[in-house]
Amino acid sequence: MLRNSGPEGRVLLLLPVVAPVRATAEQRRRIRATSRRALRSITLDAPKVTPKTVVSGVTAVGQGTLAGVFQWALLLCTVGFAGMAWLRFRTRLKL
């Protein structure tokens, strides 16, 4: 499937070839040639970010992910406020 998915998929298939653990001289030569060919085959520029792409990305992750983020944020705020209240209560006891 990766071979047929285009240049990006072929580059993913080359990753084990590009970074072997112990490369011989022949492997290093092949790695240099393969990596140059792979870099020439696709553009490596980051995609343009527009408000439309951000909104479509947020809606694509679904409500479950956003609900999980909200739960963690609520938990952190609650623990933070409880910690501040405890510190204030503790300092009043010392006076």
N, C-alpha and C. Protein backbone atom coordinates (compact mmCIF):
# COMPACT_ATOMS: atom_id res chain seq x y z
N MET A 1 0.82 -1.19 0.00
CA MET A 1 0.00 0.00 0.00
C MET A 1 0.87 1.25 0.00
N LEU A 2 1.99 1.23 0.75
CA LEU A 2 2.85 2.40 0.77
C LEU A 2 3.50 2.64 -0.59
N ARG A 3 3.88 1.57 -1.27
CA ARG A 3 4.49 1.73 -2.60
C ARG A 3 3.53 2.41 -3.57
N ASN A 4 2.27 2.11 -3.46
CA ASN A 4 1.27 2.65 -4.38
C ASN A 4 0.71 3.99 -3.94
N SER A 5 1.06 4.45 -2.73
CA SER A 5 0.47 5.68 -2.22
C SER A 5 1.19 6.94 -2.66
N GLY A 6 2.25 6.82 -3.42
CA GLY A 6 2.91 8.01 -3.94
C GLY A 6 4.31 8.17 -3.37
N PRO A 7 4.91 9.34 -3.62
CA PRO A 7 6.29 9.55 -3.19
C PRO A 7 6.46 9.54 -1.67
N GLU A 8 5.46 10.02 -0.94
CA GLU A 8 5.58 10.03 0.52
C GLU A 8 5.65 8.62 1.07
N GLY A 9 4.84 7.72 0.54
CA GLY A 9 4.86 6.32 0.99
C GLY A 9 6.17 5.64 0.66
N ARG A 10 6.72 5.94 -0.52
CA ARG A 10 8.01 5.34 -0.89
C ARG A 10 9.13 5.85 0.02
N VAL A 11 9.06 7.11 0.43
CA VAL A 11 10.07 7.64 1.35
C VAL A 11 9.96 6.94 2.70
N LEU A 12 8.74 6.67 3.16
CA LEU A 12 8.57 5.92 4.41
C LEU A 12 9.16 4.52 4.31
N LEU A 13 9.03 3.90 3.17
CA LEU A 13 9.63 2.57 2.98
C LEU A 13 11.15 2.63 2.98
N LEU A 14 11.72 3.77 2.66
CA LEU A 14 13.17 3.90 2.61
C LEU A 14 13.80 4.15 3.98
N LEU A 15 13.01 4.48 4.98
CA LEU A 15 13.58 4.82 6.29
C LEU A 15 14.50 3.74 6.86
N PRO A 16 14.14 2.46 6.85
CA PRO A 16 15.09 1.46 7.37
C PRO A 16 16.36 1.39 6.52
N VAL A 17 16.26 1.69 5.24
CA VAL A 17 17.43 1.65 4.37
C VAL A 17 18.33 2.84 4.62
N VAL A 18 17.73 3.98 4.93
CA VAL A 18 18.50 5.20 5.11
C VAL A 18 19.28 5.18 6.43
N ALA A 19 18.80 4.48 7.43
CA ALA A 19 19.45 4.50 8.73
C ALA A 19 19.73 3.09 9.26
N PRO A 20 20.61 2.33 8.62
CA PRO A 20 20.94 1.02 9.17
C PRO A 20 21.85 1.16 10.39
N VAL A 21 21.91 0.11 11.21
CA VAL A 21 22.71 0.15 12.42
C VAL A 21 24.20 0.13 12.10
N ARG A 22 24.64 -0.84 11.32
CA ARG A 22 26.05 -0.94 10.92
C ARG A 22 26.12 -0.99 9.40
N ALA A 23 26.48 0.13 8.81
CA ALA A 23 26.48 0.21 7.36
C ALA A 23 27.88 -0.07 6.79
N THR A 24 27.92 -0.87 5.74
CA THR A 24 29.18 -1.10 5.03
C THR A 24 29.39 0.04 4.04
N ALA A 25 30.54 0.06 3.38
CA ALA A 25 30.83 1.13 2.41
C ALA A 25 29.82 1.12 1.27
N GLU A 26 29.45 -0.07 0.81
CA GLU A 26 28.47 -0.18 -0.27
C GLU A 26 27.10 0.33 0.18
N GLN A 27 26.71 -0.01 1.41
CA GLN A 27 25.43 0.46 1.93
C GLN A 27 25.42 1.97 2.07
N ARG A 28 26.54 2.56 2.56
CA ARG A 28 26.60 4.00 2.71
C ARG A 28 26.46 4.70 1.36
N ARG A 29 27.10 4.15 0.31
CA ARG A 29 26.99 4.73 -1.02
C ARG A 29 25.55 4.67 -1.52
N ARG A 30 24.91 3.51 -1.32
CA ARG A 30 23.52 3.34 -1.74
C ARG A 30 22.59 4.26 -0.94
N ILE A 31 22.89 4.43 0.34
CA ILE A 31 22.07 5.29 1.19
C ILE A 31 22.13 6.74 0.71
N ARG A 32 23.35 7.21 0.39
CA ARG A 32 23.49 8.59 -0.09
C ARG A 32 22.72 8.79 -1.39
N ALA A 33 22.84 7.85 -2.31
CA ALA A 33 22.14 7.97 -3.60
C ALA A 33 20.63 7.90 -3.40
N THR A 34 20.17 7.00 -2.54
CA THR A 34 18.74 6.83 -2.30
C THR A 34 18.15 8.06 -1.62
N SER A 35 18.86 8.58 -0.62
CA SER A 35 18.33 9.74 0.09
C SER A 35 18.27 10.96 -0.81
N ARG A 36 19.28 11.15 -1.67
CA ARG A 36 19.24 12.27 -2.61
C ARG A 36 18.07 12.13 -3.58
N ARG A 37 17.86 10.93 -4.07
CA ARG A 37 16.75 10.69 -4.99
C ARG A 37 15.41 10.92 -4.30
N ALA A 38 15.30 10.47 -3.06
CA ALA A 38 14.04 10.65 -2.32
C ALA A 38 13.79 12.13 -2.04
N LEU A 39 14.84 12.87 -1.69
CA LEU A 39 14.65 14.29 -1.42
C LEU A 39 14.29 15.06 -2.68
N ARG A 40 14.77 14.63 -3.83
CA ARG A 40 14.42 15.30 -5.07
C ARG A 40 13.01 14.97 -5.52
N SER A 41 12.46 13.85 -5.06
CA SER A 41 11.17 13.40 -5.58
C SER A 41 9.98 14.13 -4.98
N ILE A 42 10.11 14.71 -3.78
CA ILE A 42 8.98 15.39 -3.15
C ILE A 42 9.43 16.72 -2.59
N THR A 43 8.48 17.59 -2.34
CA THR A 43 8.79 18.84 -1.67
C THR A 43 8.65 18.64 -0.17
N LEU A 44 9.53 19.26 0.58
CA LEU A 44 9.52 19.09 2.02
C LEU A 44 9.02 20.34 2.74
N ASP A 45 8.37 21.25 2.01
CA ASP A 45 7.85 22.46 2.63
C ASP A 45 6.63 22.12 3.48
N ALA A 46 6.49 22.89 4.57
CA ALA A 46 5.33 22.70 5.43
C ALA A 46 4.09 23.23 4.72
N PRO A 47 2.94 22.59 4.95
CA PRO A 47 1.72 23.08 4.30
C PRO A 47 1.32 24.43 4.89
N LYS A 48 0.64 25.21 4.10
CA LYS A 48 0.16 26.52 4.56
C LYS A 48 -0.96 26.32 5.58
N VAL A 49 -0.91 27.09 6.66
CA VAL A 49 -1.93 26.99 7.70
C VAL A 49 -2.87 28.17 7.54
N THR A 50 -4.13 27.87 7.35
CA THR A 50 -5.17 28.89 7.26
C THR A 50 -6.22 28.60 8.32
N PRO A 51 -7.03 29.57 8.66
CA PRO A 51 -8.09 29.30 9.64
C PRO A 51 -9.00 28.14 9.22
N LYS A 52 -9.21 27.98 7.93
CA LYS A 52 -10.07 26.90 7.45
C LYS A 52 -9.44 25.54 7.75
N THR A 53 -8.11 25.41 7.58
CA THR A 53 -7.46 24.13 7.87
C THR A 53 -7.44 23.84 9.37
N VAL A 54 -7.30 24.89 10.18
CA VAL A 54 -7.32 24.68 11.64
C VAL A 54 -8.71 24.21 12.09
N VAL A 55 -9.75 24.86 11.58
CA VAL A 55 -11.12 24.49 11.95
C VAL A 55 -11.43 23.07 11.47
N SER A 56 -11.01 22.74 10.26
CA SER A 56 -11.28 21.39 9.76
C SER A 56 -10.49 20.35 10.57
N GLY A 57 -9.30 20.69 11.03
CA GLY A 57 -8.53 19.76 11.86
C GLY A 57 -9.17 19.55 13.22
N VAL A 58 -9.67 20.63 13.81
CA VAL A 58 -10.33 20.52 15.12
C VAL A 58 -11.62 19.71 15.00
N THR A 59 -12.38 19.93 13.94
CA THR A 59 -13.61 19.17 13.79
C THR A 59 -13.33 17.71 13.43
N ALA A 60 -12.17 17.44 12.82
CA ALA A 60 -11.85 16.07 12.44
C ALA A 60 -11.48 15.21 13.64
N VAL A 61 -10.92 15.83 14.69
CA VAL A 61 -10.51 15.03 15.84
C VAL A 61 -11.70 14.52 16.63
N GLY A 62 -12.81 15.18 16.51
CA GLY A 62 -14.03 14.68 17.14
C GLY A 62 -14.25 15.25 18.53
N GLN A 63 -15.45 15.03 19.00
CA GLN A 63 -15.83 15.56 20.30
C GLN A 63 -15.15 14.82 21.44
N GLY A 64 -14.83 13.56 21.24
CA GLY A 64 -14.20 12.78 22.32
C GLY A 64 -12.85 13.34 22.72
N THR A 65 -12.08 13.76 21.75
CA THR A 65 -10.76 14.32 22.06
C THR A 65 -10.89 15.66 22.76
N LEU A 66 -11.77 16.51 22.27
CA LEU A 66 -11.96 17.80 22.91
C LEU A 66 -12.52 17.65 24.31
N ALA A 67 -13.40 16.67 24.52
CA ALA A 67 -13.94 16.43 25.85
C ALA A 67 -12.83 15.97 26.79
N GLY A 68 -11.90 15.15 26.29
CA GLY A 68 -10.79 14.70 27.13
C GLY A 68 -9.88 15.85 27.52
N VAL A 69 -9.62 16.75 26.57
CA VAL A 69 -8.78 17.92 26.87
C VAL A 69 -9.48 18.79 27.90
N PHE A 70 -10.78 18.99 27.74
CA PHE A 70 -11.52 19.80 28.70
C PHE A 70 -11.49 19.18 30.09
N GLN A 71 -11.62 17.87 30.18
CA GLN A 71 -11.58 17.21 31.49
C GLN A 71 -10.23 17.41 32.17
N TRP A 72 -9.14 17.27 31.41
CA TRP A 72 -7.81 17.47 32.00
C TRP A 72 -7.62 18.92 32.43
N ALA A 73 -8.08 19.87 31.61
CA ALA A 73 -7.95 21.28 31.98
C ALA A 73 -8.75 21.58 33.24
N LEU A 74 -9.95 21.03 33.34
CA LEU A 74 -10.77 21.23 34.53
C LEU A 74 -10.12 20.63 35.76
N LEU A 75 -9.54 19.45 35.62
CA LEU A 75 -8.86 18.82 36.74
C LEU A 75 -7.66 19.64 37.20
N LEU A 76 -6.87 20.13 36.26
CA LEU A 76 -5.70 20.94 36.62
C LEU A 76 -6.11 22.24 37.31
N CYS A 77 -7.16 22.88 36.82
CA CYS A 77 -7.63 24.10 37.47
C CYS A 77 -8.13 23.82 38.88
N THR A 78 -8.86 22.74 39.05
CA THR A 78 -9.40 22.38 40.37
C THR A 78 -8.26 22.10 41.35
N VAL A 79 -7.28 21.33 40.92
CA VAL A 79 -6.14 21.03 41.80
C VAL A 79 -5.37 22.31 42.11
N GLY A 80 -5.21 23.18 41.12
CA GLY A 80 -4.51 24.45 41.36
C GLY A 80 -5.22 25.33 42.37
N PHE A 81 -6.55 25.46 42.21
CA PHE A 81 -7.30 26.28 43.15
C PHE A 81 -7.30 25.66 44.55
N ALA A 82 -7.41 24.35 44.64
CA ALA A 82 -7.36 23.68 45.95
C ALA A 82 -5.99 23.89 46.59
N GLY A 83 -4.93 23.82 45.81
CA GLY A 83 -3.59 24.04 46.36
C GLY A 83 -3.41 25.47 46.85
N MET A 84 -3.92 26.44 46.10
CA MET A 84 -3.81 27.84 46.55
C MET A 84 -4.62 28.07 47.82
N ALA A 85 -5.81 27.48 47.90
CA ALA A 85 -6.63 27.63 49.11
C ALA A 85 -5.94 26.98 50.30
N TRP A 86 -5.32 25.83 50.11
CA TRP A 86 -4.63 25.15 51.21
C TRP A 86 -3.45 25.99 51.69
N LEU A 87 -2.68 26.55 50.76
CA LEU A 87 -1.54 27.39 51.16
C LEU A 87 -2.00 28.62 51.91
N ARG A 88 -3.09 29.24 51.47
CA ARG A 88 -3.60 30.41 52.19
C ARG A 88 -4.09 30.03 53.58
N PHE A 89 -4.80 28.91 53.69
CA PHE A 89 -5.27 28.44 54.99
C PHE A 89 -4.10 28.13 55.91
N ARG A 90 -3.06 27.53 55.37
CA ARG A 90 -1.88 27.17 56.17
C ARG A 90 -1.14 28.41 56.67
N THR A 91 -1.03 29.44 55.86
CA THR A 91 -0.36 30.65 56.31
C THR A 91 -1.17 31.38 57.37
N ARG A 92 -2.49 31.29 57.32
CA ARG A 92 -3.32 31.92 58.36
C ARG A 92 -3.18 31.21 59.70
N LEU A 93 -2.95 29.88 59.66
CA LEU A 93 -2.78 29.14 60.91
C LEU A 93 -1.49 29.52 61.61
N LYS A 94 -0.47 29.90 60.86
CA LYS A 94 0.82 30.23 61.46
C LYS A 94 0.80 31.58 62.14
N LEU A 95 -0.13 32.49 61.75
CA LEU A 95 -0.18 33.81 62.34
C LEU A 95 -0.79 33.76 63.68
